[in-house]
Protein backbone atom coordinates (compact mmCIF):
# COMPACT_ATOMS: atom_id res chain seq x y z
CA UNK A 1 35.23 -144.29 -67.54
CA UNK A 2 32.51 -142.44 -69.67
CA UNK A 3 28.85 -142.99 -70.37
CA UNK A 4 26.84 -141.52 -73.16
CA UNK A 5 23.63 -140.15 -72.65
CA UNK A 6 21.52 -139.48 -75.68
CA UNK A 7 19.62 -136.57 -75.42
CA UNK A 8 16.64 -134.94 -76.84
CA UNK A 9 14.38 -132.07 -75.53
CA UNK A 10 11.48 -134.90 -74.90
CA UNK A 11 10.46 -136.75 -71.67
CA UNK A 12 12.43 -139.29 -73.16
CA UNK A 13 15.06 -137.15 -73.00
CA UNK A 14 14.53 -135.95 -69.73
CA UNK A 15 14.16 -139.44 -68.57
CA UNK A 16 17.17 -140.20 -69.72
CA UNK A 17 19.01 -137.54 -67.68
CA UNK A 18 17.71 -138.61 -64.65
CA UNK A 19 19.17 -142.06 -65.52
CA UNK A 20 22.25 -140.35 -65.60
CA UNK A 21 21.76 -138.54 -62.62
CA UNK A 22 21.02 -141.72 -60.46
CA UNK A 23 24.06 -143.46 -62.09
CA UNK A 24 26.13 -140.28 -60.44
CA UNK A 25 27.26 -142.04 -57.92
CA UNK A 26 31.10 -142.68 -58.86
CA UNK A 27 33.10 -139.89 -59.17
CA UNK A 28 35.18 -142.18 -61.38
CA UNK A 29 32.42 -141.70 -64.33
CA UNK A 30 31.86 -139.03 -66.73
CA UNK A 31 29.15 -138.07 -68.61
CA UNK A 32 29.24 -136.78 -72.49
CA UNK A 33 25.70 -135.29 -72.79
CA UNK A 34 25.05 -135.64 -76.56
CA UNK A 35 22.14 -134.19 -79.30
CA UNK A 36 22.13 -135.54 -82.81
CA UNK A 37 21.17 -133.32 -85.58
CA UNK A 38 20.45 -134.12 -88.85
CA UNK A 39 23.38 -134.04 -91.56
CA UNK A 40 22.66 -131.10 -93.83
CA UNK A 41 23.23 -131.15 -97.66
CA UNK A 42 27.07 -131.25 -98.92
CA UNK A 43 26.49 -128.71 -101.28
CA UNK A 44 25.13 -124.97 -101.26
CA UNK A 45 22.05 -123.72 -101.91
CA UNK A 46 21.91 -120.72 -104.35
CA UNK A 47 19.57 -118.66 -102.06
CA UNK A 48 21.37 -119.73 -98.92
CA UNK A 49 18.55 -121.95 -97.30
CA UNK A 50 21.48 -124.70 -96.77
CA UNK A 51 23.61 -122.27 -94.53
CA UNK A 52 20.26 -121.24 -92.46
CA UNK A 53 18.78 -124.91 -92.02
CA UNK A 54 22.46 -125.30 -90.32
CA UNK A 55 22.31 -122.84 -88.37
CA UNK A 56 18.87 -123.50 -87.24
CA UNK A 57 19.87 -127.04 -86.63
CA UNK A 58 23.06 -125.53 -84.54
CA UNK A 59 20.86 -123.11 -82.73
CA UNK A 60 18.22 -126.06 -81.72
CA UNK A 61 21.10 -128.09 -80.61
CA UNK A 62 22.75 -125.32 -78.58
CA UNK A 63 19.47 -124.69 -76.84
CA UNK A 64 18.76 -128.45 -76.33
CA UNK A 65 22.08 -128.47 -74.35
CA UNK A 66 21.67 -126.44 -72.45
CA UNK A 67 18.43 -127.34 -71.20
CA UNK A 68 20.35 -130.65 -70.44
CA UNK A 69 23.15 -128.45 -68.07
CA UNK A 70 20.49 -126.75 -66.13
CA UNK A 71 18.55 -130.48 -65.77
CA UNK A 72 21.72 -132.27 -64.47
CA UNK A 73 23.44 -129.46 -62.82
CA UNK A 74 26.59 -128.51 -61.82
CA UNK A 75 27.30 -131.84 -59.48
CA UNK A 76 27.21 -134.23 -62.26
CA UNK A 77 30.39 -134.60 -64.15
CA UNK A 78 29.53 -134.12 -67.06
CA UNK A 79 30.20 -132.51 -70.88
CA UNK A 80 28.15 -131.40 -73.74
CA UNK A 81 28.05 -132.62 -77.31
CA UNK A 82 25.97 -131.31 -80.32
CA UNK A 83 27.44 -133.82 -83.64
CA UNK A 84 25.09 -133.70 -86.94
CA UNK A 85 24.41 -137.74 -88.62
CA UNK A 86 22.19 -139.46 -90.81
CA UNK A 87 20.61 -140.94 -88.23
CA UNK A 88 20.66 -140.28 -84.63
CA UNK A 89 21.70 -144.06 -84.08
CA UNK A 90 24.34 -143.53 -86.47
CA UNK A 91 25.13 -140.55 -84.49
CA UNK A 92 25.02 -141.86 -80.93
CA UNK A 93 27.40 -145.21 -82.71
CA UNK A 94 30.13 -142.99 -83.26
CA UNK A 95 30.21 -140.83 -80.14
CA UNK A 96 30.21 -144.46 -78.59
CA UNK A 97 33.25 -145.46 -80.65
CA UNK A 98 35.11 -141.93 -80.66
CA UNK A 99 34.83 -141.39 -76.85
CA UNK A 100 35.50 -145.34 -75.95
CA UNK A 101 32.17 -145.36 -73.82
CA UNK A 102 31.42 -148.53 -71.26
CA UNK A 103 27.73 -147.39 -71.54
CA UNK A 104 25.15 -145.17 -73.26
CA UNK A 105 22.12 -143.96 -71.52
CA UNK A 106 18.41 -143.66 -73.66
CA UNK A 107 15.03 -142.87 -72.78
CA UNK A 108 11.97 -144.70 -73.62
CA UNK A 109 9.91 -143.70 -77.17
CA UNK A 110 6.55 -141.80 -76.60
CA UNK A 111 4.40 -144.71 -76.71
CA UNK A 112 3.27 -147.32 -73.73
CA UNK A 113 2.41 -147.24 -70.86
CA UNK A 114 3.94 -144.88 -68.13
CA UNK A 115 6.72 -146.62 -65.89
CA UNK A 116 7.42 -149.43 -68.43
CA UNK A 117 9.86 -148.67 -71.71
CA UNK A 118 8.52 -148.21 -74.98
CA UNK A 119 11.48 -148.92 -77.86
CA UNK A 120 11.09 -146.28 -80.46
CA UNK A 121 13.49 -146.01 -83.69
CA UNK A 122 16.61 -144.92 -81.84
CA UNK A 123 15.97 -147.38 -79.14
CA UNK A 124 15.65 -150.30 -81.46
CA UNK A 125 18.61 -149.32 -83.31
CA UNK A 126 20.98 -149.00 -80.23
CA UNK A 127 19.09 -152.76 -78.83
CA UNK A 128 20.25 -154.32 -82.55
CA UNK A 129 24.01 -152.60 -83.16
CA UNK A 130 25.39 -151.49 -79.97
CA UNK A 131 28.97 -152.53 -78.81
CA UNK A 132 28.39 -151.54 -75.17
CA UNK A 133 25.82 -151.91 -72.39
CA UNK A 134 22.29 -150.19 -73.28
CA UNK A 135 20.80 -148.48 -70.38
CA UNK A 136 16.93 -147.95 -70.33
CA UNK A 137 15.07 -145.67 -68.76
CA UNK A 138 10.92 -146.33 -68.47
CA UNK A 139 8.77 -143.76 -70.18
CA UNK A 140 8.01 -141.00 -67.28
CA UNK A 141 10.77 -141.83 -64.88
CA UNK A 142 11.70 -139.30 -62.99
CA UNK A 143 13.01 -139.81 -59.43
CA UNK A 144 13.80 -136.91 -57.39
CA UNK A 145 16.93 -135.20 -58.09
CA UNK A 146 18.76 -136.48 -54.79
CA UNK A 147 18.43 -140.07 -55.76
CA UNK A 148 21.34 -142.36 -56.67
CA UNK A 149 22.33 -145.96 -57.56
CA UNK A 150 21.35 -147.93 -54.65
CA UNK A 151 21.34 -151.65 -55.98
CA UNK A 152 22.33 -153.51 -58.95
CA UNK A 153 19.72 -156.33 -59.67
CA UNK A 154 21.08 -159.37 -61.93
CA UNK A 155 18.31 -161.31 -64.42
CA UNK A 156 20.24 -164.85 -63.61
CA UNK A 157 19.24 -167.85 -65.16
CA UNK A 158 21.93 -170.32 -64.86
CA UNK A 159 26.21 -170.38 -65.34
CA UNK A 160 26.31 -170.91 -68.65
CA UNK A 161 23.61 -168.38 -70.17
CA UNK A 162 23.93 -165.53 -67.56
CA UNK A 163 27.53 -165.50 -67.31
CA UNK A 164 28.50 -162.23 -69.20
CA UNK A 165 25.11 -160.50 -67.51
CA UNK A 166 26.69 -161.64 -64.14
CA UNK A 167 29.96 -160.22 -64.87
CA UNK A 168 27.99 -156.73 -66.32
CA UNK A 169 26.32 -156.87 -63.48
CA UNK A 170 29.08 -157.16 -60.56
CA UNK A 171 31.30 -154.39 -62.82
CA UNK A 172 28.44 -151.93 -62.36
CA UNK A 173 28.04 -153.22 -58.84
CA UNK A 174 31.55 -152.57 -57.79
CA UNK A 175 31.99 -149.54 -59.91
CA UNK A 176 29.42 -147.68 -57.74
CA UNK A 177 29.84 -149.13 -54.83
CA UNK A 178 26.38 -150.86 -53.97
CA UNK A 179 24.85 -154.45 -53.51
CA UNK A 180 24.16 -156.97 -56.22
CA UNK A 181 20.96 -158.89 -56.55
CA UNK A 182 20.29 -161.88 -58.17
CA UNK A 183 17.04 -162.27 -59.32
CA UNK A 184 15.31 -165.31 -61.44
CA UNK A 185 11.88 -165.15 -62.45
CA UNK A 186 9.61 -168.14 -63.40
CA UNK A 187 7.08 -167.24 -65.84
CA UNK A 188 4.83 -169.67 -66.88
CA UNK A 189 1.33 -169.57 -68.32
CA UNK A 190 -0.86 -171.28 -65.75
CA UNK A 191 -2.94 -172.92 -68.75
CA UNK A 192 -0.93 -175.28 -70.11
CA UNK A 193 -1.47 -178.97 -70.33
CA UNK A 194 -3.90 -180.30 -68.09
CA UNK A 195 -5.59 -182.52 -69.82
CA UNK A 196 -2.87 -184.33 -71.49
CA UNK A 197 0.05 -184.47 -67.90
CA UNK A 198 -2.51 -182.97 -65.38
CA UNK A 199 -2.04 -180.53 -62.76
CA UNK A 200 0.00 -182.96 -60.26
CA UNK A 201 2.75 -183.66 -63.07
CA UNK A 202 2.65 -179.67 -63.32
CA UNK A 203 3.27 -179.10 -59.75
CA UNK A 204 6.31 -181.32 -59.64
CA UNK A 205 7.55 -179.61 -62.75
CA UNK A 206 7.64 -176.28 -61.14
CA UNK A 207 9.06 -177.39 -57.86
CA UNK A 208 12.10 -178.62 -60.10
CA UNK A 209 12.23 -175.37 -61.81
CA UNK A 210 12.20 -173.56 -58.29
CA UNK A 211 14.81 -176.50 -56.60
CA UNK A 212 16.71 -176.19 -59.50
CA UNK A 213 17.03 -171.96 -59.57
CA UNK A 214 17.88 -171.70 -56.23
CA UNK A 215 20.68 -173.91 -56.60
CA UNK A 216 22.42 -171.84 -59.76
CA UNK A 217 21.85 -168.62 -57.74
CA UNK A 218 23.57 -169.92 -54.42
CA UNK A 219 26.38 -171.84 -56.67
CA UNK A 220 26.74 -168.27 -57.95
CA UNK A 221 26.52 -166.02 -54.57
CA UNK A 222 29.46 -168.29 -53.29
CA UNK A 223 31.90 -167.31 -56.64
CA UNK A 224 31.48 -163.66 -56.36
CA UNK A 225 34.19 -161.10 -55.77
CA UNK A 226 35.03 -160.88 -52.08
CA UNK A 227 33.52 -158.07 -50.64
CA UNK A 228 30.74 -157.31 -52.67
CA UNK A 229 27.52 -157.59 -51.22
CA UNK A 230 24.87 -159.92 -52.70
CA UNK A 231 21.76 -161.84 -52.35
CA UNK A 232 19.12 -163.46 -54.20
CA UNK A 233 15.50 -163.93 -54.89
CA UNK A 234 13.40 -165.90 -56.98
CA UNK A 235 9.50 -164.30 -58.18
CA UNK A 236 7.12 -166.03 -60.62
CA UNK A 237 4.71 -164.88 -62.27
CA UNK A 238 2.15 -166.08 -65.43
CA UNK A 239 3.14 -163.17 -67.24
CA UNK A 240 6.53 -160.80 -66.79
CA UNK A 241 4.60 -157.78 -66.02
CA UNK A 242 3.38 -160.05 -62.81
CA UNK A 243 6.63 -161.19 -61.81
CA UNK A 244 8.29 -157.54 -61.65
CA UNK A 245 5.14 -156.35 -59.95
CA UNK A 246 5.64 -159.04 -56.93
CA UNK A 247 9.09 -158.05 -56.58
CA UNK A 248 10.73 -155.22 -54.45
CA UNK A 249 12.42 -152.50 -56.29
CA UNK A 250 14.06 -149.48 -54.90
CA UNK A 251 14.18 -145.82 -56.05
CA UNK A 252 17.36 -146.18 -57.37
CA UNK A 253 17.33 -149.59 -58.51
CA UNK A 254 18.55 -150.62 -61.99
CA UNK A 255 18.00 -154.27 -63.81
CA UNK A 256 20.75 -155.69 -65.90
CA UNK A 257 19.61 -158.35 -68.18
CA UNK A 258 21.66 -160.08 -71.07
CA UNK A 259 20.53 -160.13 -75.10
CA UNK A 260 20.38 -163.43 -77.28
CA UNK A 261 23.47 -165.12 -78.56
CA UNK A 262 22.39 -164.21 -82.18
CA UNK A 263 23.98 -160.49 -81.62
CA UNK A 264 27.41 -161.95 -82.54
CA UNK A 265 29.06 -162.25 -79.00
CA UNK A 266 30.03 -158.24 -79.38
CA UNK A 267 26.82 -156.83 -80.26
CA UNK A 268 23.42 -156.62 -78.43
CA UNK A 269 20.58 -158.29 -80.16
CA UNK A 270 17.51 -158.71 -78.36
CA UNK A 271 15.36 -162.18 -78.67
CA UNK A 272 11.75 -162.09 -77.66
CA UNK A 273 12.37 -163.06 -74.13
CA UNK A 274 14.64 -160.38 -73.55
CA UNK A 275 12.47 -158.10 -75.51
CA UNK A 276 9.65 -158.68 -73.28
CA UNK A 277 11.80 -158.29 -70.29
CA UNK A 278 12.69 -154.57 -71.50
CA UNK A 279 9.06 -153.88 -71.89
CA UNK A 280 7.69 -154.76 -68.79
CA UNK A 281 10.47 -153.76 -66.27
CA UNK A 282 9.24 -150.97 -63.82
CA UNK A 283 12.64 -149.54 -63.25
CA UNK A 284 15.75 -148.84 -65.38
CA UNK A 285 17.22 -151.84 -67.72
CA UNK A 286 20.55 -152.06 -68.72
CA UNK A 287 20.90 -154.42 -71.90
CA UNK A 288 24.34 -155.86 -72.15
CA UNK A 289 26.17 -157.91 -74.95
CA UNK A 290 26.22 -161.99 -75.28
CA UNK A 291 29.78 -161.82 -73.87
CA UNK A 292 31.69 -159.26 -71.35
CA UNK A 293 33.72 -156.34 -73.90
CA UNK A 294 36.75 -154.72 -72.96
CA UNK A 295 34.35 -151.47 -71.98
CA UNK A 296 31.81 -153.09 -70.12
CA UNK A 297 34.43 -155.00 -68.20
CA UNK A 298 36.57 -152.12 -67.05
CA UNK A 299 36.57 -151.20 -63.68
């Protein structure tokens, strides 16, 4: 089992390493920390500028990987790899394919508030093309060095739409030996259509949503693998941030969500709701493909 960590010597790269260290709960998981440098031009320069530039890139990559090694320490089963590519996203996708990886771990972009995820260009590319789940660390993510994965929370809708997400969350929880939580969020603007339907009608619809969500959660819990400790919760809010802020999170917890069916099944493609969840989650978020691939289902 191999997880790929995309590393750059900045705060986003260190957040990715911190998340990798949290995932280091299973001895069966090996990590490949990689840094991608720009591909140099394919012909020599009379002044040897090409050779000097290539040497500069190799030196910077070596320094970056040494920093990553010092950050993770000897307790994490990791190898370190530098590769050149036309883009960081292209290089990461090639490494994922070459290593038959099960997960790729990335940090947040530079923008956005602390504690939430800012989607940069590399992250955005992977979130629309990765064949394996993408784990994203919020901006400024820096748990203690002793923090390890304590719980996997699955963003759950219903049996039809959430089957791949739940399967991936179960695999992750079993692989790392931690409990699973099903979390259903009811997010709705309170300013709906009171002049047309009235507040009483809205309250009835809202209560029906709650009952259907709880029933779906209980059916899902009854069908989980034997021996997997699991619970279910329902949270509400006018915005995704409100719902997540009302949720109790543990320091070593991750949220697993699904991507849109527009991704073609074997690729991730974020729809509007998934994008809002990714940007609002206060904990690391794992985005899975529309169907469970062979890699993500490996135990």
